């Protein structure tokens, strides 16, 4: 197994979306705070789909 593992939970009872918790190592690495926004990009690489997640810079700089 590689990296950290998180568990998916329902985002709400009215949606089929799922949510997970960001591992603390990622929160610390990017100095994330509640309300910060993330960009999610999917990339096909062979037999895998790789998800690239990047913080969106806050107004006034990060």
Protein backbone atom coordinates (compact mmCIF):
# COMPACT_ATOMS: atom_id res chain seq x y z
CA UNK A 1 0.00 0.00 0.00
CA UNK A 2 1.31 3.44 -0.89
CA UNK A 3 0.76 6.78 0.80
CA UNK A 4 -1.95 7.58 3.30
CA UNK A 5 -5.41 6.03 3.28
CA UNK A 6 -8.65 7.91 3.95
CA UNK A 7 -12.28 6.74 4.09
CA UNK A 8 -15.08 8.11 1.90
CA UNK A 9 -18.35 9.17 3.52
CA UNK A 10 -21.56 10.61 2.04
CA UNK A 11 -21.35 14.36 1.41
CA UNK A 12 -25.07 14.72 2.20
CA UNK A 13 -28.24 12.66 2.22
CA UNK A 14 -29.44 14.40 -0.96
CA UNK A 15 -26.33 13.86 -3.08
CA UNK A 16 -24.37 10.95 -4.49
CA UNK A 17 -21.13 12.87 -3.88
CA UNK A 18 -18.62 11.55 -1.38
CA UNK A 19 -16.16 13.36 0.86
CA UNK A 20 -12.96 12.44 2.63
CA UNK A 21 -10.57 14.03 5.11
CA UNK A 22 -7.26 15.47 3.96
CA UNK A 23 -4.38 13.89 5.85
CA UNK A 24 -2.69 16.30 8.27
CA UNK A 25 0.59 15.98 6.34
CA UNK A 26 -1.10 17.58 3.30
CA UNK A 27 -2.77 20.26 5.43
CA UNK A 28 0.60 21.19 6.94
CA UNK A 29 2.51 20.98 3.63
CA UNK A 30 0.22 23.52 1.97
CA UNK A 31 -0.69 25.45 5.16
CA UNK A 32 -4.37 24.85 4.43
CA UNK A 33 -7.13 26.35 6.54
CA UNK A 34 -10.88 25.90 6.74
CA UNK A 35 -12.52 27.57 3.75
CA UNK A 36 -9.49 27.19 1.44
CA UNK A 37 -10.27 25.98 -2.05
CA UNK A 38 -8.64 23.10 -3.94
CA UNK A 39 -8.41 22.43 -7.68
CA UNK A 40 -8.86 18.76 -8.68
CA UNK A 41 -7.51 17.57 -12.05
CA UNK A 42 -7.77 14.01 -13.39
CA UNK A 43 -4.99 12.61 -15.56
CA UNK A 44 -5.03 9.24 -17.34
CA UNK A 45 -1.69 7.45 -17.00
CA UNK A 46 -1.73 3.98 -18.49
CA UNK A 47 -4.20 1.85 -16.52
CA UNK A 48 -4.55 4.43 -13.74
CA UNK A 49 -6.28 7.73 -13.18
CA UNK A 50 -4.07 10.11 -11.23
CA UNK A 51 -5.71 12.94 -9.32
CA UNK A 52 -3.68 16.14 -9.00
CA UNK A 53 -4.91 18.39 -6.20
CA UNK A 54 -3.60 21.94 -5.90
CA UNK A 55 -4.55 24.72 -3.51
CA UNK A 56 -6.12 27.74 -5.19
CA UNK A 57 -4.27 30.85 -4.09
CA UNK A 58 -6.19 33.05 -1.68
CA UNK A 59 -7.00 36.63 -2.59
CA UNK A 60 -4.07 38.78 -1.53
CA UNK A 61 -1.60 35.89 -1.85
CA UNK A 62 -1.09 32.74 0.12
